[in-house]
Amino acid sequence: MQVEPLAIPDVLLVTPRVFGDHRGFFLETWQAERFAEVGIPDRFVQDNHSRSSQGVLRGLHYQIQQPQGKLVRVVRGEIFDVAVDLRRSSPHFGQWVGAALSEENHRMLWVPPGFAHGFVVTSESADLLYKCSDFYAPEHERTLRWDDPEVAIEWPLPEGVEPVLSEKDLAGVTLDRAEVYS
């Protein structure tokens, strides 16, 4: 597999080896020893599956306690996946990185603890699966505003098109008001 640190080096883009022929394909989506060698922990406690329609934007979510690392992959469709560094002690605090994940490219994004995570669906619909390094704790969940001008994420939305958001995501706070990590 290929592992590419993004502009924030703790966020990793993983491209697995895909073996394919006229019957289909095979790839390893998780192998504890190989992933541990590149800095992705070998302990995950929860797997999630999310399906969304085109234009749905989910995020930017994080847990202020019990922070979750997430290994994200798409099994149907395509998304633009984003991680925002919320570690005040990081030289990348408040910066974001993103990558296109799709059923065709088989890429995975490792979003470590200490980051807000979100995505927008760029295909007709998308199914994504992600492993979490800690349990979901709704009492500790926070939402960073998806369109915070200070973070300035370049979401791949058609000009003049607003994303489809949940009430929770509409109520997200800007970075200057967000609870962050030390």
C-alpha atoms as a PDB file:
ATOM      1  CA  MET A   1       0.000   0.000   0.000  1.00  0.00           C
ATOM      2  CA  GLN A   2       1.043   3.596  -0.508  1.00  0.00           C
ATOM      3  CA  VAL A   3       0.791   6.064   2.369  1.00  0.00           C
ATOM      4  CA  GLU A   4       0.991   9.776   1.637  1.00  0.00           C
ATOM      5  CA  PRO A   5       1.156  12.345   4.440  1.00  0.00           C
ATOM      6  CA  LEU A   6      -0.941  15.344   3.412  1.00  0.00           C
ATOM      7  CA  ALA A   7      -0.096  19.025   4.043  1.00  0.00           C
ATOM      8  CA  ILE A   8      -0.863  18.319   7.702  1.00  0.00           C
ATOM      9  CA  PRO A   9       1.476  15.314   8.035  1.00  0.00           C
ATOM     10  CA  ASP A  10      -0.539  13.510  10.736  1.00  0.00           C
ATOM     11  CA  VAL A  11      -3.399  13.074   8.250  1.00  0.00           C
ATOM     12  CA  LEU A  12      -2.594  10.175   5.933  1.00  0.00           C
ATOM     13  CA  LEU A  13      -3.972   9.242   2.538  1.00  0.00           C
ATOM     14  CA  VAL A  14      -3.781   5.463   2.154  1.00  0.00           C
ATOM     15  CA  THR A  15      -3.967   3.819  -1.269  1.00  0.00           C
ATOM     16  CA  PRO A  16      -4.158   0.044  -0.917  1.00  0.00           C
ATOM     17  CA  ARG A  17      -2.915  -2.441  -3.481  1.00  0.00           C
ATOM     18  CA  VAL A  18      -5.840  -3.609  -5.575  1.00  0.00           C
ATOM     19  CA  PHE A  19      -5.673  -6.982  -7.289  1.00  0.00           C
ATOM     20  CA  GLY A  20      -8.156  -7.212 -10.138  1.00  0.00           C
ATOM     21  CA  ASP A  21      -9.047  -9.305 -13.129  1.00  0.00           C
ATOM     22  CA  HIS A  22     -12.103 -10.176 -15.225  1.00  0.00           C
ATOM     23  CA  ARG A  23     -13.873 -11.487 -12.077  1.00  0.00           C
ATOM     24  CA  GLY A  24     -13.579  -8.295 -10.045  1.00  0.00           C
ATOM     25  CA  PHE A  25     -11.039  -7.137  -7.463  1.00  0.00           C
ATOM     26  CA  PHE A  26      -9.583  -7.825  -4.025  1.00  0.00           C
ATOM     27  CA  LEU A  27      -7.910  -5.472  -1.563  1.00  0.00           C
ATOM     28  CA  GLU A  28      -7.040  -5.413   2.114  1.00  0.00           C
ATOM     29  CA  THR A  29      -8.942  -2.620   3.848  1.00  0.00           C
ATOM     30  CA  TRP A  30      -7.353  -3.312   7.232  1.00  0.00           C
ATOM     31  CA  GLN A  31      -4.285  -5.203   8.342  1.00  0.00           C
ATOM     32  CA  ALA A  32      -3.153  -4.276  11.861  1.00  0.00           C
ATOM     33  CA  GLU A  33       0.601  -4.786  11.440  1.00  0.00           C
ATOM     34  CA  ARG A  34       0.892  -2.911   8.121  1.00  0.00           C
ATOM     35  CA  PHE A  35      -1.193   0.005   9.324  1.00  0.00           C
ATOM     36  CA  ALA A  36       0.668   0.195  12.654  1.00  0.00           C
ATOM     37  CA  GLU A  37       3.949   0.451  10.723  1.00  0.00           C
ATOM     38  CA  VAL A  38       2.729   3.718   9.167  1.00  0.00           C
ATOM     39  CA  GLY A  39       1.383   5.168  12.421  1.00  0.00           C
ATOM     40  CA  ILE A  40      -2.281   4.168  12.295  1.00  0.00           C
ATOM     41  CA  PRO A  41      -3.261   2.536  15.598  1.00  0.00           C
ATOM     42  CA  ASP A  42      -4.066  -1.137  15.719  1.00  0.00           C
ATOM     43  CA  ARG A  43      -7.049  -0.724  18.047  1.00  0.00           C
ATOM     44  CA  PHE A  44     -10.422   0.290  16.703  1.00  0.00           C
ATOM     45  CA  VAL A  45     -13.566  -0.057  18.797  1.00  0.00           C
ATOM     46  CA  GLN A  46     -16.372   0.881  16.431  1.00  0.00           C
ATOM     47  CA  ASP A  47     -17.231   0.600  12.724  1.00  0.00           C
ATOM     48  CA  ASN A  48     -19.745   3.000  11.150  1.00  0.00           C
ATOM     49  CA  HIS A  49     -21.580   3.053   7.819  1.00  0.00           C
ATOM     50  CA  SER A  50     -23.026   6.288   6.432  1.00  0.00           C
ATOM     51  CA  ARG A  51     -25.118   6.781   3.291  1.00  0.00           C
ATOM     52  CA  SER A  52     -25.855  10.246   1.942  1.00  0.00           C
ATOM     53  CA  SER A  53     -27.222  11.852  -1.218  1.00  0.00           C
ATOM     54  CA  GLN A  54     -25.422  14.267  -3.530  1.00  0.00           C
ATOM     55  CA  GLY A  55     -24.800  17.652  -1.950  1.00  0.00           C
ATOM     56  CA  VAL A  56     -25.150  16.405   1.639  1.00  0.00           C
ATOM     57  CA  LEU A  57     -22.415  17.827   3.832  1.00  0.00           C
ATOM     58  CA  ARG A  58     -21.819  16.181   7.198  1.00  0.00           C
ATOM     59  CA  GLY A  59     -19.563  17.806   9.750  1.00  0.00           C
ATOM     60  CA  LEU A  60     -17.328  19.116  10.910  1.00  0.00           C
ATOM     61  CA  HIS A  61     -17.620  16.798  13.922  1.00  0.00           C
ATOM     62  CA  TYR A  62     -15.260  15.995  16.781  1.00  0.00           C
ATOM     63  CA  GLN A  63     -15.418  14.843  20.399  1.00  0.00           C
ATOM     64  CA  ILE A  64     -13.758  17.159  22.904  1.00  0.00           C
ATOM     65  CA  GLN A  65     -13.350  14.197  25.276  1.00  0.00           C
ATOM     66  CA  GLN A  66     -12.803  10.667  24.008  1.00  0.00           C
ATOM     67  CA  PRO A  67     -11.439  12.066  20.733  1.00  0.00           C
ATOM     68  CA  GLN A  68     -11.851   9.659  17.855  1.00  0.00           C
ATOM     69  CA  GLY A  69      -9.370   8.800  15.184  1.00  0.00           C
ATOM     70  CA  LYS A  70     -11.198   7.719  12.008  1.00  0.00           C
ATOM     71  CA  LEU A  71     -10.084   5.567   9.089  1.00  0.00           C
ATOM     72  CA  VAL A  72     -12.528   6.524   6.322  1.00  0.00           C
ATOM     73  CA  ARG A  73     -13.216   4.781   3.005  1.00  0.00           C
ATOM     74  CA  VAL A  74     -15.947   4.922   0.379  1.00  0.00           C
ATOM     75  CA  VAL A  75     -17.517   1.728  -0.967  1.00  0.00           C
ATOM     76  CA  ARG A  76     -20.079   3.356  -3.273  1.00  0.00           C
ATOM     77  CA  GLY A  77     -19.958   6.786  -4.894  1.00  0.00           C
ATOM     78  CA  GLU A  78     -17.552   9.628  -4.153  1.00  0.00           C
ATOM     79  CA  ILE A  79     -16.984  12.182  -1.407  1.00  0.00           C
ATOM     80  CA  PHE A  80     -14.622  15.025  -0.645  1.00  0.00           C
ATOM     81  CA  ASP A  81     -13.332  14.220   2.855  1.00  0.00           C
ATOM     82  CA  VAL A  82     -11.902  16.907   5.158  1.00  0.00           C
ATOM     83  CA  ALA A  83      -9.888  17.036   8.383  1.00  0.00           C
ATOM     84  CA  VAL A  84      -9.344  20.254  10.380  1.00  0.00           C
ATOM     85  CA  ASP A  85      -6.542  20.407  12.957  1.00  0.00           C
ATOM     86  CA  LEU A  86      -7.991  21.492  16.319  1.00  0.00           C
ATOM     87  CA  ARG A  87      -4.852  20.905  18.412  1.00  0.00           C
ATOM     88  CA  ARG A  88      -3.895  24.345  19.704  1.00  0.00           C
ATOM     89  CA  SER A  89      -0.270  23.193  20.218  1.00  0.00           C
ATOM     90  CA  SER A  90       0.035  22.109  16.563  1.00  0.00           C
ATOM     91  CA  PRO A  91       1.784  24.313  13.998  1.00  0.00           C
ATOM     92  CA  HIS A  92      -1.185  23.445  11.734  1.00  0.00           C
ATOM     93  CA  PHE A  93      -3.902  24.578  14.174  1.00  0.00           C
ATOM     94  CA  GLY A  94      -7.002  25.743  12.295  1.00  0.00           C
ATOM     95  CA  GLN A  95      -5.758  24.415   8.949  1.00  0.00           C
ATOM     96  CA  TRP A  96      -7.541  21.823   6.842  1.00  0.00           C
ATOM     97  CA  VAL A  97      -6.698  19.113   4.338  1.00  0.00           C
ATOM     98  CA  GLY A  98      -9.010  17.206   2.047  1.00  0.00           C
ATOM     99  CA  ALA A  99      -9.046  14.351  -0.422  1.00  0.00           C
ATOM    100  CA  ALA A 100     -11.447  12.751  -2.872  1.00  0.00           C
ATOM    101  CA  LEU A 101     -12.363   9.222  -1.792  1.00  0.00           C
ATOM    102  CA  SER A 102     -14.322   6.982  -4.118  1.00  0.00           C
ATOM    103  CA  GLU A 103     -15.264   3.432  -4.926  1.00  0.00           C
ATOM    104  CA  GLU A 104     -12.962   3.704  -7.953  1.00  0.00           C
ATOM    105  CA  ASN A 105      -9.787   4.972  -6.256  1.00  0.00           C
ATOM    106  CA  HIS A 106     -10.192   2.800  -3.084  1.00  0.00           C
ATOM    107  CA  ARG A 107      -8.327   5.425  -1.063  1.00  0.00           C
ATOM    108  CA  MET A 108      -8.711   5.770   2.690  1.00  0.00           C
ATOM    109  CA  LEU A 109      -8.139   8.821   4.859  1.00  0.00           C
ATOM    110  CA  TRP A 110      -6.704   8.529   8.371  1.00  0.00           C
ATOM    111  CA  VAL A 111      -8.064  11.401  10.478  1.00  0.00           C
ATOM    112  CA  PRO A 112      -6.247  11.255  13.837  1.00  0.00           C
ATOM    113  CA  PRO A 113      -7.717  12.238  17.218  1.00  0.00           C
ATOM    114  CA  GLY A 114      -7.582  16.007  17.668  1.00  0.00           C
ATOM    115  CA  PHE A 115      -9.176  16.795  14.306  1.00  0.00           C
ATOM    116  CA  ALA A 116     -12.672  17.752  13.213  1.00  0.00           C
ATOM    117  CA  HIS A 117     -13.960  15.580  10.373  1.00  0.00           C
ATOM    118  CA  GLY A 118     -16.502  16.211   7.638  1.00  0.00           C
ATOM    119  CA  PHE A 119     -17.344  15.366   4.057  1.00  0.00           C
ATOM    120  CA  VAL A 120     -19.546  16.365   1.152  1.00  0.00           C
ATOM    121  CA  VAL A 121     -21.037  13.891  -1.328  1.00  0.00           C
ATOM    122  CA  THR A 122     -19.986  14.681  -4.895  1.00  0.00           C
ATOM    123  CA  SER A 123     -21.678  11.717  -6.629  1.00  0.00           C
ATOM    124  CA  GLU A 124     -25.397  10.891  -6.846  1.00  0.00           C
ATOM    125  CA  SER A 125     -25.052   9.186  -3.462  1.00  0.00           C
ATOM    126  CA  ALA A 126     -22.257   7.656  -1.412  1.00  0.00           C
ATOM    127  CA  ASP A 127     -21.741   4.959   1.180  1.00  0.00           C
ATOM    128  CA  LEU A 128     -18.761   5.355   3.438  1.00  0.00           C
ATOM    129  CA  LEU A 129     -17.391   3.073   6.100  1.00  0.00           C
ATOM    130  CA  TYR A 130     -15.132   4.225   8.872  1.00  0.00           C
ATOM    131  CA  LYS A 131     -13.346   2.694  11.801  1.00  0.00           C
ATOM    132  CA  CYS A 132     -13.163   4.698  15.046  1.00  0.00           C
ATOM    133  CA  SER A 133     -10.441   4.552  17.686  1.00  0.00           C
ATOM    134  CA  ASP A 134     -12.843   5.454  20.519  1.00  0.00           C
ATOM    135  CA  PHE A 135     -16.541   5.096  21.189  1.00  0.00           C
ATOM    136  CA  TYR A 136     -19.141   7.642  20.126  1.00  0.00           C
ATOM    137  CA  ALA A 137     -19.923   9.916  23.079  1.00  0.00           C
ATOM    138  CA  PRO A 138     -22.731  12.326  22.101  1.00  0.00           C
ATOM    139  CA  GLU A 139     -22.294  14.358  25.291  1.00  0.00           C
ATOM    140  CA  HIS A 140     -18.764  15.258  24.136  1.00  0.00           C
ATOM    141  CA  GLU A 141     -19.547  15.807  20.454  1.00  0.00           C
ATOM    142  CA  ARG A 142     -18.953  19.270  19.056  1.00  0.00           C
ATOM    143  CA  THR A 143     -19.483  20.770  15.609  1.00  0.00           C
ATOM    144  CA  LEU A 144     -17.207  23.240  13.878  1.00  0.00           C
ATOM    145  CA  ARG A 145     -19.035  25.347  11.323  1.00  0.00           C
ATOM    146  CA  TRP A 146     -18.563  23.958   7.804  1.00  0.00           C
ATOM    147  CA  ASP A 147     -18.193  27.423   6.253  1.00  0.00           C
ATOM    148  CA  ASP A 148     -16.045  29.114   8.900  1.00  0.00           C
ATOM    149  CA  PRO A 149     -14.241  31.925   7.023  1.00  0.00           C
ATOM    150  CA  GLU A 150     -11.130  31.555   9.198  1.00  0.00           C
ATOM    151  CA  VAL A 151     -10.731  27.855   8.275  1.00  0.00           C
ATOM    152  CA  ALA A 152     -11.826  28.566   4.660  1.00  0.00           C
ATOM    153  CA  ILE A 153     -12.394  25.045   3.375  1.00  0.00           C
ATOM    154  CA  GLU A 154     -12.662  24.895  -0.404  1.00  0.00           C
ATOM    155  CA  TRP A 155     -15.646  22.548  -0.664  1.00  0.00           C
ATOM    156  CA  PRO A 156     -16.212  21.272  -4.227  1.00  0.00           C
ATOM    157  CA  LEU A 157     -19.757  22.587  -4.510  1.00  0.00           C
ATOM    158  CA  PRO A 158     -21.170  24.001  -7.742  1.00  0.00           C
ATOM    159  CA  GLU A 159     -21.231  27.798  -7.663  1.00  0.00           C
ATOM    160  CA  GLY A 160     -24.369  29.108  -5.984  1.00  0.00           C
ATOM    161  CA  VAL A 161     -25.343  25.685  -4.600  1.00  0.00           C
ATOM    162  CA  GLU A 162     -25.761  25.377  -0.842  1.00  0.00           C
ATOM    163  CA  PRO A 163     -25.057  21.985   0.766  1.00  0.00           C
ATOM    164  CA  VAL A 164     -27.759  19.946   2.498  1.00  0.00           C
ATOM    165  CA  LEU A 165     -27.093  20.200   6.253  1.00  0.00           C
ATOM    166  CA  SER A 166     -28.570  18.787   9.454  1.00  0.00           C
ATOM    167  CA  GLU A 167     -29.829  21.072  12.206  1.00  0.00           C
ATOM    168  CA  LYS A 168     -26.788  20.091  14.276  1.00  0.00           C
ATOM    169  CA  ASP A 169     -24.423  21.106  11.487  1.00  0.00           C
ATOM    170  CA  LEU A 170     -26.288  24.367  10.896  1.00  0.00           C
ATOM    171  CA  ALA A 171     -25.682  25.167  14.589  1.00  0.00           C
ATOM    172  CA  GLY A 172     -21.908  24.597  14.387  1.00  0.00           C
ATOM    173  CA  VAL A 173     -19.613  27.232  15.874  1.00  0.00           C
ATOM    174  CA  THR A 174     -16.704  29.099  14.323  1.00  0.00           C
ATOM    175  CA  LEU A 175     -13.117  28.275  15.250  1.00  0.00           C
ATOM    176  CA  ASP A 176     -12.773  31.355  17.473  1.00  0.00           C
ATOM    177  CA  ARG A 177     -15.686  30.066  19.618  1.00  0.00           C
ATOM    178  CA  ALA A 178     -14.957  26.328  19.429  1.00  0.00           C
ATOM    179  CA  GLU A 179     -13.705  24.157  22.237  1.00  0.00           C
ATOM    180  CA  VAL A 180     -10.374  22.812  21.023  1.00  0.00           C
ATOM    181  CA  TYR A 181      -7.641  20.474  22.199  1.00  0.00           C
ATOM    182  CA  SER A 182      -4.543  21.698  24.035  1.00  0.00           C
END
